[in-house]
Amino acid sequence: MSRISAKVLTEVLDAAAEPVLVVRTDHPDWPVGFANTACSELAEGVPLDGAFADVVEALFGRDVALDIAEAIRGGDAMRLAVDRGGSDIVIVVQPLEADGYCAVFLRDASASLPGADEQGLSRELATARRRIRDLKRDDMVTGLLNRQAFTDMLAHDWAVASREKTTLALVHFVLVDFADYLGVFGRHASDSCLRRTGRAIRRCLRRASDVVARFDDESFIVLAHASDEDSVSRFAAHIADAVRDLGIHHPRSKSDRFVTVEYRSAVTTAGEGSQTADDFLRRVTDS
């Protein structure tokens, strides 16, 4: 079979009725490299020339964006049934043999599946797979990523950023005098405090490609794609303010009457020198 030029393939994809995007996965922002006309029509004004995770979040919400971001990080193919404006859509993510790219197809579920029973089964299977995956990667108290899942994600993003010589940021948040809070209120209230703190941090994340995890008994960690130390410092301070603004009473805190966090942050250009992802992590987590 003779080779077909990129121009011809672009014209074919652009003429297709099915929305198609091509995403660069060898860049930390996962930019959309191509979106056909059908995809632009589905997006209804949502810009398609930015980071893929941001595009998905604008179209389908943060939870869907986080699920797809995990598949891209792992280089996995996936099918995910979602609802948008009352219409069932199947998002298909397919890594390409050309390293550093994946294709994303947005399919009408009613067209791709012959009946309502099959559509329901597809959603149930997707939900079951997600629950199994969550048991392995999620912290049981907060529902955030656990430490192992976070270190795996950091290793992946570090490898990508090292190839591109781009910048990553870590911020480690530690609950102040949390052992004293546990001593006063007990485990049930402490778990509730951890859940509320985790949700507050997650709400402050700026992009779907940013991640937060519970790191240990009384701390959380955030991985972000940042450009400079000043913006990371402002970002971390904003999160600290959001946690205090929860107004969780802490009668034994030595610094405040509410639950607060202290934090350490680090920014680095991956791939410079001999630093590894583990070295980077220790910069913010080692006392």
Protein backbone atom coordinates (compact mmCIF):
# COMPACT_ATOMS: atom_id res chain seq x y z
CA MET A 1 0.00 0.00 0.00
CA SER A 2 1.39 3.39 -0.97
CA ARG A 3 1.97 6.03 1.70
CA ILE A 4 -0.63 8.80 1.95
CA SER A 5 0.39 12.34 2.68
CA ALA A 6 -0.51 14.07 5.93
CA LYS A 7 -2.55 16.58 3.96
CA VAL A 8 -4.75 13.85 2.48
CA LEU A 9 -5.25 12.18 5.87
CA THR A 10 -6.17 15.53 7.40
CA GLU A 11 -8.80 16.10 4.70
CA VAL A 12 -10.23 12.61 5.27
CA LEU A 13 -10.48 13.10 9.04
CA ASP A 14 -11.96 16.56 8.59
CA ALA A 15 -14.67 15.13 6.34
CA ALA A 16 -15.59 12.39 8.82
CA ALA A 17 -18.95 12.61 10.58
CA GLU A 18 -17.46 11.31 13.85
CA PRO A 19 -15.69 13.89 16.06
CA VAL A 20 -11.96 13.11 16.19
CA LEU A 21 -9.05 14.71 18.03
CA VAL A 22 -5.35 13.90 17.88
CA VAL A 23 -3.43 14.65 21.08
CA ARG A 24 0.30 14.94 21.69
CA THR A 25 1.11 12.82 24.73
CA ASP A 26 4.87 13.42 24.69
CA HIS A 27 4.34 16.98 25.95
CA PRO A 28 3.34 17.63 29.59
CA ASP A 29 0.37 19.81 28.59
CA TRP A 30 -1.02 17.21 26.12
CA PRO A 31 -1.87 19.82 23.46
CA VAL A 32 -4.55 19.07 20.91
CA GLY A 33 -2.77 18.78 17.59
CA PHE A 34 -5.84 18.28 15.42
CA ALA A 35 -9.61 18.51 15.82
CA ASN A 36 -11.88 17.85 12.86
CA THR A 37 -14.95 19.86 11.88
CA ALA A 38 -17.37 17.45 13.57
CA CYS A 39 -15.49 17.90 16.83
CA SER A 40 -15.66 21.68 16.56
CA GLU A 41 -19.41 21.45 16.03
CA LEU A 42 -19.81 19.25 19.11
CA ALA A 43 -17.66 21.59 21.21
CA GLU A 44 -20.08 24.48 20.60
CA GLY A 45 -17.58 27.27 21.13
CA VAL A 46 -15.21 25.52 23.54
CA PRO A 47 -11.65 26.27 22.29
CA LEU A 48 -9.97 23.12 21.01
CA ASP A 49 -6.45 24.47 20.55
CA GLY A 50 -5.31 24.19 24.16
CA ALA A 51 -4.38 21.45 26.61
CA PHE A 52 -6.44 18.30 26.08
CA ALA A 53 -7.30 17.88 29.77
CA ASP A 54 -8.72 21.41 29.82
CA VAL A 55 -10.79 20.72 26.70
CA VAL A 56 -12.29 17.55 28.22
CA GLU A 57 -13.00 19.33 31.50
CA ALA A 58 -14.84 22.14 29.68
CA LEU A 59 -16.90 19.64 27.66
CA PHE A 60 -17.60 16.87 30.18
CA GLY A 61 -16.51 18.00 33.65
CA ARG A 62 -13.52 17.50 35.93
CA ASP A 63 -14.20 13.89 36.94
CA VAL A 64 -14.21 12.73 33.32
CA ALA A 65 -11.07 14.77 32.63
CA LEU A 66 -9.29 13.11 35.57
CA ASP A 67 -10.28 9.63 34.38
CA ILE A 68 -9.01 10.29 30.87
CA ALA A 69 -5.84 11.96 32.17
CA GLU A 70 -5.02 8.77 34.06
CA ALA A 71 -5.49 6.66 30.92
CA ILE A 72 -3.18 8.94 28.93
CA ARG A 73 -0.52 8.84 31.65
CA GLY A 74 -0.65 5.04 31.62
CA GLY A 75 -0.65 4.80 27.82
CA ASP A 76 -3.90 2.83 28.06
CA ALA A 77 -6.78 2.53 25.62
CA MET A 78 -10.14 3.24 27.21
CA ARG A 79 -13.84 3.63 26.52
CA LEU A 80 -15.90 5.85 28.78
CA ALA A 81 -19.65 6.48 28.50
CA VAL A 82 -20.66 10.01 29.54
CA ASP A 83 -23.75 12.18 29.41
CA ARG A 84 -23.66 15.61 27.80
CA GLY A 85 -26.82 17.64 27.58
CA GLY A 86 -28.98 14.52 27.76
CA SER A 87 -27.04 12.73 25.02
CA ASP A 88 -24.98 9.61 25.69
CA ILE A 89 -21.48 9.87 24.27
CA VAL A 90 -18.75 7.22 24.29
CA ILE A 91 -15.24 8.67 24.57
CA VAL A 92 -12.66 6.34 23.03
CA VAL A 93 -8.98 7.01 23.78
CA GLN A 94 -6.61 5.04 21.56
CA PRO A 95 -2.80 5.38 21.80
CA LEU A 96 -1.23 5.41 18.33
CA GLU A 97 1.74 3.42 17.12
CA ALA A 98 3.39 6.73 16.33
CA ASP A 99 4.94 7.28 19.77
CA GLY A 100 3.80 10.42 21.53
CA TYR A 101 0.28 10.62 20.06
CA CYS A 102 -3.18 9.30 20.80
CA ALA A 103 -6.48 9.56 18.96
CA VAL A 104 -9.72 10.44 20.72
CA PHE A 105 -13.09 9.59 19.18
CA LEU A 106 -16.39 10.99 20.47
CA ARG A 107 -19.12 8.57 19.46
CA ASP A 108 -22.87 8.72 19.72
CA ALA A 109 -23.66 5.83 22.07
CA SER A 110 -27.04 5.20 20.44
CA ALA A 111 -25.32 4.80 17.08
CA SER A 112 -22.46 2.64 18.32
CA LEU A 113 -24.65 0.33 20.38
CA PRO A 114 -27.82 -1.23 18.94
CA GLY A 115 -30.08 -1.03 21.99
CA ALA A 116 -30.72 0.52 25.39
CA ASP A 117 -29.75 -2.71 27.16
CA GLU A 118 -26.31 -2.67 25.54
CA GLN A 119 -25.87 1.01 26.42
CA GLY A 120 -26.73 0.32 30.03
CA LEU A 121 -24.38 -2.64 30.12
CA SER A 122 -21.55 -0.54 28.70
CA ARG A 123 -22.04 2.07 31.44
CA GLU A 124 -22.20 -0.60 34.13
CA LEU A 125 -18.99 -2.22 32.91
CA ALA A 126 -17.25 1.15 32.83
CA THR A 127 -18.44 1.85 36.37
CA ALA A 128 -17.25 -1.57 37.58
CA ARG A 129 -13.81 -1.10 36.00
CA ARG A 130 -13.55 2.33 37.60
CA ARG A 131 -14.43 0.95 41.03
CA ILE A 132 -11.81 -1.82 40.76
CA ARG A 133 -9.21 0.71 39.68
CA ASP A 134 -10.19 3.07 42.50
CA LEU A 135 -9.68 0.35 45.12
CA LYS A 136 -6.04 0.13 44.04
CA ARG A 137 -5.23 3.80 43.64
CA ASP A 138 -7.44 5.70 46.10
CA ASP A 139 -6.99 6.55 49.76
CA MET A 140 -9.88 4.93 51.63
CA VAL A 141 -10.53 7.95 53.89
CA THR A 142 -10.36 10.91 51.51
CA GLY A 143 -11.03 9.34 48.10
CA LEU A 144 -7.92 11.08 46.75
CA LEU A 145 -5.00 9.25 45.21
CA ASN A 146 -2.96 7.25 47.68
CA ARG A 147 0.79 7.60 48.07
CA GLN A 148 1.73 4.75 45.72
CA ALA A 149 -0.57 5.96 42.96
CA PHE A 150 0.85 9.45 43.32
CA THR A 151 4.47 8.32 43.09
CA ASP A 152 3.61 6.30 39.98
CA MET A 153 1.98 9.37 38.42
CA LEU A 154 4.94 11.57 39.35
CA ALA A 155 7.33 9.09 37.73
CA HIS A 156 5.32 9.22 34.49
CA ASP A 157 5.06 13.01 34.40
CA TRP A 158 8.75 13.33 35.29
CA ALA A 159 9.71 11.15 32.33
CA VAL A 160 7.59 13.23 29.95
CA ALA A 161 8.83 16.54 31.37
CA SER A 162 12.44 15.31 31.18
CA ARG A 163 12.14 14.74 27.44
CA GLU A 164 10.68 18.20 26.93
CA LYS A 165 12.85 19.94 29.58
CA THR A 166 9.73 21.46 31.13
CA THR A 167 8.97 22.55 34.67
CA LEU A 168 7.16 20.68 37.44
CA ALA A 169 6.11 21.82 40.89
CA LEU A 170 5.39 19.95 44.11
CA VAL A 171 3.69 21.30 47.22
CA HIS A 172 3.51 19.27 50.44
CA PHE A 173 0.79 20.35 52.89
CA VAL A 174 0.94 19.21 56.53
CA LEU A 175 -1.98 19.67 58.92
CA VAL A 176 -0.79 21.66 61.93
CA ASP A 177 -1.00 19.86 65.31
CA PHE A 178 -3.23 17.20 63.80
CA ALA A 179 -2.31 14.61 66.44
CA ASP A 180 -3.78 16.97 69.04
CA TYR A 181 -6.94 17.34 66.95
CA LEU A 182 -7.23 13.55 66.83
CA GLY A 183 -6.74 13.37 70.60
CA VAL A 184 -9.62 15.78 71.23
CA PHE A 185 -12.19 14.68 68.66
CA GLY A 186 -11.32 11.07 67.85
CA ARG A 187 -10.95 9.15 64.63
CA HIS A 188 -14.39 9.79 63.12
CA ALA A 189 -14.09 13.58 63.30
CA SER A 190 -10.45 13.42 62.19
CA ASP A 191 -11.40 11.44 59.08
CA SER A 192 -14.07 14.03 58.32
CA CYS A 193 -11.47 16.78 58.71
CA LEU A 194 -9.15 14.97 56.30
CA ARG A 195 -11.93 14.56 53.73
CA ARG A 196 -12.93 18.23 53.92
CA THR A 197 -9.31 19.35 53.68
CA GLY A 198 -8.69 17.09 50.69
CA ARG A 199 -11.77 18.44 48.89
CA ALA A 200 -10.70 22.03 49.59
CA ILE A 201 -7.27 21.38 48.09
CA ARG A 202 -8.72 19.63 45.05
CA ARG A 203 -11.12 22.53 44.37
CA CYS A 204 -8.11 24.85 44.19
CA LEU A 205 -6.31 22.88 41.48
CA ARG A 206 -6.04 24.93 38.34
CA ARG A 207 -5.96 22.24 35.67
CA ALA A 208 -7.20 18.69 35.25
CA SER A 209 -3.59 17.57 34.77
CA ASP A 210 -2.75 18.81 38.30
CA VAL A 211 -3.15 16.10 40.94
CA VAL A 212 -3.49 15.91 44.71
CA ALA A 213 -2.95 12.86 46.91
CA ARG A 214 -3.02 11.99 50.57
CA PHE A 215 0.64 11.45 51.33
CA ASP A 216 0.57 10.15 54.91
CA ASP A 217 -1.57 10.30 58.05
CA GLU A 218 -1.62 14.08 58.25
CA SER A 219 -0.38 15.45 54.94
CA PHE A 220 -1.32 15.97 51.30
CA ILE A 221 0.81 16.54 48.22
CA VAL A 222 0.09 18.35 44.96
CA LEU A 223 1.82 17.93 41.59
CA ALA A 224 1.36 20.83 39.20
CA HIS A 225 2.79 21.92 35.87
CA ALA A 226 4.06 25.36 36.78
CA SER A 227 6.40 27.88 35.25
CA ASP A 228 7.96 29.79 38.15
CA GLU A 229 8.38 29.77 41.93
CA ASP A 230 6.34 32.93 42.52
CA SER A 231 3.20 31.49 40.93
CA VAL A 232 3.65 28.25 42.90
CA SER A 233 4.02 30.20 46.14
CA ARG A 234 0.81 32.11 45.44
CA PHE A 235 -0.94 28.86 44.51
CA ALA A 236 0.16 27.18 47.76
CA ALA A 237 -0.83 30.19 49.87
CA HIS A 238 -4.26 30.22 48.22
CA ILE A 239 -4.75 26.57 49.18
CA ALA A 240 -3.62 27.24 52.75
CA ASP A 241 -6.18 30.07 52.98
CA ALA A 242 -8.90 27.79 51.58
CA VAL A 243 -8.21 25.17 54.26
CA ARG A 244 -8.35 27.73 57.08
CA ASP A 245 -11.55 29.19 55.58
CA LEU A 246 -13.24 25.82 56.17
CA GLY A 247 -13.52 27.01 59.77
CA ILE A 248 -12.86 23.60 61.35
CA HIS A 249 -12.44 24.35 65.06
CA HIS A 250 -9.11 23.23 66.57
CA PRO A 251 -8.95 23.96 70.31
CA ARG A 252 -5.39 22.67 70.73
CA SER A 253 -3.70 24.26 67.74
CA LYS A 254 -0.69 26.30 68.80
CA SER A 255 -1.01 28.64 65.83
CA ASP A 256 -4.72 29.23 65.14
CA ARG A 257 -8.19 28.49 66.43
CA PHE A 258 -9.02 26.64 63.20
CA VAL A 259 -7.41 23.72 61.36
CA THR A 260 -4.58 25.02 59.19
CA VAL A 261 -1.78 23.64 57.02
CA GLU A 262 1.91 24.39 56.68
CA TYR A 263 3.55 23.73 53.33
CA ARG A 264 6.83 23.32 51.49
CA SER A 265 7.10 23.75 47.74
CA ALA A 266 9.70 23.04 45.08
CA VAL A 267 9.95 23.89 41.40
CA THR A 268 12.39 22.27 39.00
CA THR A 269 13.07 21.71 35.33
CA ALA A 270 12.95 17.97 34.86
CA GLY A 271 15.85 16.30 33.10
CA GLU A 272 18.51 18.80 34.19
CA GLY A 273 21.46 17.33 36.05
CA SER A 274 21.23 13.99 37.83
CA GLN A 275 18.07 14.70 39.81
CA THR A 276 15.40 11.97 39.75
CA ALA A 277 11.68 12.09 40.49
CA ASP A 278 12.38 10.57 43.91
CA ASP A 279 14.97 13.26 44.64
CA PHE A 280 12.45 15.92 43.70
CA LEU A 281 9.82 14.39 45.97
CA ARG A 282 12.23 14.26 48.92
CA ARG A 283 12.86 17.99 48.59
CA VAL A 284 9.39 18.72 49.91
CA THR A 285 8.64 15.69 52.08
CA ASP A 286 11.86 15.09 54.04
CA SER A 287 12.03 16.99 57.31
